Amino acid sequence: MIGDVNMLVMDGLEMVKRLREIAALEKLPILMVTTEVGADMAKRARAAGATGWISKPFKVKFLFKGVNRVLSSR
């Protein structure tokens, strides 16, 4: 699954936390995309349960690398 940190109804980190509470989705690979950069965002995303993240804007090849990375980590 690919999600954005900045969303309308709830932020992406809250979405990840809620998905991780569902037993059937505990191991779902989740790649977050964000305009926010830095170690703090990476730390918060990991704590929420994200498998990986990439910063926007990004080139398509980096999206593919991120997807492959989260799929191979599970």
N, C-alpha and C. Protein backbone atom coordinates (compact mmCIF):
# COMPACT_ATOMS: atom_id res chain seq x y z
N MET A 1 0.84 -1.16 0.00
CA MET A 1 0.00 0.00 0.00
C MET A 1 0.89 1.23 0.00
N ILE A 2 0.44 2.25 -0.71
CA ILE A 2 1.14 3.53 -0.73
C ILE A 2 0.19 4.58 -0.18
N GLY A 3 0.66 5.35 0.78
CA GLY A 3 -0.16 6.40 1.37
C GLY A 3 0.63 7.68 1.48
N ASP A 4 -0.08 8.78 1.60
CA ASP A 4 0.55 10.09 1.76
C ASP A 4 0.43 10.52 3.21
N VAL A 5 1.42 11.19 3.73
CA VAL A 5 1.37 11.67 5.10
C VAL A 5 0.29 12.74 5.25
N ASN A 6 0.16 13.61 4.26
CA ASN A 6 -0.82 14.70 4.33
C ASN A 6 -2.08 14.32 3.56
N MET A 7 -3.15 14.04 4.31
CA MET A 7 -4.42 13.67 3.71
C MET A 7 -5.53 14.52 4.36
N LEU A 8 -6.73 14.45 3.80
CA LEU A 8 -7.80 15.33 4.26
C LEU A 8 -8.45 14.91 5.57
N VAL A 9 -8.94 13.69 5.66
CA VAL A 9 -9.72 13.28 6.83
C VAL A 9 -8.84 12.99 8.03
N MET A 10 -7.76 12.28 7.82
CA MET A 10 -6.79 12.01 8.88
C MET A 10 -5.41 12.00 8.25
N ASP A 11 -4.38 12.26 9.04
CA ASP A 11 -3.05 12.22 8.43
C ASP A 11 -2.62 10.78 8.20
N GLY A 12 -1.66 10.62 7.30
CA GLY A 12 -1.21 9.29 6.91
C GLY A 12 -0.64 8.47 8.04
N LEU A 13 0.00 9.12 9.01
CA LEU A 13 0.57 8.38 10.13
C LEU A 13 -0.53 7.78 11.00
N GLU A 14 -1.61 8.51 11.18
CA GLU A 14 -2.75 7.98 11.92
C GLU A 14 -3.38 6.82 11.14
N MET A 15 -3.45 6.95 9.82
CA MET A 15 -3.98 5.87 9.00
C MET A 15 -3.16 4.59 9.18
N VAL A 16 -1.84 4.74 9.17
CA VAL A 16 -0.96 3.58 9.34
C VAL A 16 -1.20 2.94 10.71
N LYS A 17 -1.28 3.76 11.75
CA LYS A 17 -1.53 3.22 13.09
C LYS A 17 -2.83 2.42 13.13
N ARG A 18 -3.87 2.96 12.51
CA ARG A 18 -5.17 2.27 12.52
C ARG A 18 -5.13 0.98 11.70
N LEU A 19 -4.43 1.00 10.57
CA LEU A 19 -4.30 -0.22 9.79
C LEU A 19 -3.56 -1.30 10.56
N ARG A 20 -2.54 -0.91 11.30
CA ARG A 20 -1.75 -1.88 12.07
C ARG A 20 -2.56 -2.50 13.21
N GLU A 21 -3.64 -1.87 13.62
CA GLU A 21 -4.51 -2.43 14.66
C GLU A 21 -5.38 -3.56 14.13
N ILE A 22 -5.48 -3.70 12.82
CA ILE A 22 -6.29 -4.75 12.20
C ILE A 22 -5.38 -5.95 11.98
N ALA A 23 -5.70 -7.06 12.63
CA ALA A 23 -4.82 -8.25 12.61
C ALA A 23 -4.47 -8.68 11.19
N ALA A 24 -5.43 -8.67 10.29
CA ALA A 24 -5.18 -9.13 8.92
C ALA A 24 -4.23 -8.22 8.15
N LEU A 25 -4.01 -7.01 8.65
CA LEU A 25 -3.14 -6.05 7.96
C LEU A 25 -1.83 -5.78 8.68
N GLU A 26 -1.55 -6.54 9.72
CA GLU A 26 -0.32 -6.32 10.50
C GLU A 26 0.94 -6.36 9.66
N LYS A 27 0.97 -7.22 8.65
CA LYS A 27 2.18 -7.39 7.85
C LYS A 27 2.08 -6.73 6.47
N LEU A 28 1.03 -5.95 6.25
CA LEU A 28 0.87 -5.25 4.98
C LEU A 28 2.01 -4.26 4.78
N PRO A 29 2.75 -4.37 3.68
CA PRO A 29 3.80 -3.38 3.42
C PRO A 29 3.17 -2.02 3.14
N ILE A 30 3.61 -1.00 3.84
CA ILE A 30 3.07 0.35 3.66
C ILE A 30 4.22 1.31 3.37
N LEU A 31 4.16 1.92 2.19
CA LEU A 31 5.14 2.92 1.79
C LEU A 31 4.48 4.28 1.90
N MET A 32 5.04 5.17 2.67
CA MET A 32 4.50 6.52 2.83
C MET A 32 5.29 7.48 1.96
N VAL A 33 4.56 8.43 1.36
CA VAL A 33 5.21 9.51 0.61
C VAL A 33 4.90 10.82 1.33
N THR A 34 5.84 11.73 1.29
CA THR A 34 5.66 12.98 2.03
C THR A 34 6.52 14.09 1.45
N THR A 35 6.06 15.31 1.65
CA THR A 35 6.89 16.46 1.29
C THR A 35 7.81 16.82 2.45
N GLU A 36 7.53 16.26 3.60
CA GLU A 36 8.34 16.53 4.79
C GLU A 36 9.58 15.64 4.75
N VAL A 37 10.72 16.23 4.97
CA VAL A 37 11.98 15.47 4.93
C VAL A 37 12.65 15.55 6.29
N GLY A 38 13.56 14.66 6.50
CA GLY A 38 14.34 14.69 7.72
C GLY A 38 14.17 13.44 8.55
N ALA A 39 15.09 13.27 9.47
CA ALA A 39 15.11 12.08 10.32
C ALA A 39 13.88 12.00 11.21
N ASP A 40 13.33 13.15 11.62
CA ASP A 40 12.17 13.13 12.50
C ASP A 40 10.97 12.48 11.82
N MET A 41 10.72 12.84 10.57
CA MET A 41 9.58 12.26 9.84
C MET A 41 9.80 10.77 9.64
N ALA A 42 11.00 10.37 9.31
CA ALA A 42 11.29 8.95 9.13
C ALA A 42 11.05 8.20 10.43
N LYS A 43 11.47 8.76 11.53
CA LYS A 43 11.29 8.14 12.84
C LYS A 43 9.80 8.03 13.19
N ARG A 44 9.05 9.09 12.93
CA ARG A 44 7.60 9.07 13.22
C ARG A 44 6.87 8.05 12.34
N ALA A 45 7.26 7.98 11.07
CA ALA A 45 6.63 7.02 10.15
C ALA A 45 6.92 5.59 10.59
N ARG A 46 8.14 5.33 10.96
CA ARG A 46 8.52 3.98 11.41
C ARG A 46 7.77 3.64 12.70
N ALA A 47 7.67 4.59 13.63
CA ALA A 47 6.96 4.35 14.89
C ALA A 47 5.48 4.07 14.65
N ALA A 48 4.90 4.70 13.63
CA ALA A 48 3.49 4.49 13.31
C ALA A 48 3.26 3.11 12.70
N GLY A 49 4.31 2.53 12.12
CA GLY A 49 4.18 1.21 11.52
C GLY A 49 4.43 1.17 10.03
N ALA A 50 4.90 2.30 9.46
CA ALA A 50 5.21 2.31 8.03
C ALA A 50 6.41 1.43 7.76
N THR A 51 6.37 0.76 6.63
CA THR A 51 7.48 -0.10 6.23
C THR A 51 8.60 0.72 5.62
N GLY A 52 8.23 1.80 4.92
CA GLY A 52 9.22 2.66 4.29
C GLY A 52 8.60 3.99 3.91
N TRP A 53 9.41 4.90 3.38
CA TRP A 53 8.92 6.22 3.00
C TRP A 53 9.85 6.80 1.95
N ILE A 54 9.30 7.67 1.14
CA ILE A 54 10.09 8.45 0.20
C ILE A 54 9.57 9.88 0.21
N SER A 55 10.45 10.81 -0.10
CA SER A 55 10.11 12.23 -0.08
C SER A 55 9.68 12.68 -1.47
N LYS A 56 8.67 13.55 -1.49
CA LYS A 56 8.21 14.16 -2.73
C LYS A 56 8.93 15.49 -2.93
N PRO A 57 9.15 15.92 -4.12
CA PRO A 57 8.88 15.20 -5.36
C PRO A 57 9.92 14.11 -5.56
N PHE A 58 9.53 13.08 -6.30
CA PHE A 58 10.45 11.98 -6.56
C PHE A 58 10.33 11.56 -8.02
N LYS A 59 11.37 10.93 -8.49
CA LYS A 59 11.35 10.36 -9.84
C LYS A 59 10.74 8.97 -9.75
N VAL A 60 10.10 8.55 -10.81
CA VAL A 60 9.41 7.25 -10.82
C VAL A 60 10.36 6.13 -10.43
N LYS A 61 11.61 6.19 -10.84
CA LYS A 61 12.54 5.11 -10.51
C LYS A 61 12.72 4.99 -8.99
N PHE A 62 12.63 6.11 -8.27
CA PHE A 62 12.75 6.05 -6.81
C PHE A 62 11.50 5.46 -6.18
N LEU A 63 10.35 5.70 -6.80
CA LEU A 63 9.11 5.08 -6.32
C LEU A 63 9.22 3.56 -6.48
N PHE A 64 9.68 3.10 -7.63
CA PHE A 64 9.85 1.67 -7.85
C PHE A 64 10.85 1.06 -6.86
N LYS A 65 11.93 1.78 -6.60
CA LYS A 65 12.91 1.29 -5.62
C LYS A 65 12.28 1.19 -4.24
N GLY A 66 11.48 2.19 -3.86
CA GLY A 66 10.82 2.16 -2.56
C GLY A 66 9.83 1.01 -2.46
N VAL A 67 9.06 0.80 -3.51
CA VAL A 67 8.10 -0.31 -3.52
C VAL A 67 8.84 -1.63 -3.40
N ASN A 68 9.89 -1.81 -4.18
CA ASN A 68 10.66 -3.06 -4.10
C ASN A 68 11.27 -3.26 -2.72
N ARG A 69 11.72 -2.17 -2.10
CA ARG A 69 12.33 -2.27 -0.78
C ARG A 69 11.31 -2.73 0.27
N VAL A 70 10.11 -2.15 0.26
CA VAL A 70 9.13 -2.55 1.28
C VAL A 70 8.60 -3.94 1.00
N LEU A 71 8.48 -4.33 -0.26
CA LEU A 71 8.01 -5.68 -0.55
C LEU A 71 9.03 -6.74 -0.16
N SER A 72 10.29 -6.42 -0.31
CA SER A 72 11.32 -7.40 0.05
C SER A 72 11.59 -7.45 1.56
N SER A 73 11.11 -6.43 2.28
CA SER A 73 11.37 -6.40 3.73
C SER A 73 10.38 -7.25 4.52
N ARG A 74 9.31 -7.68 3.89
CA ARG A 74 8.27 -8.45 4.60
C ARG A 74 8.37 -9.91 4.29
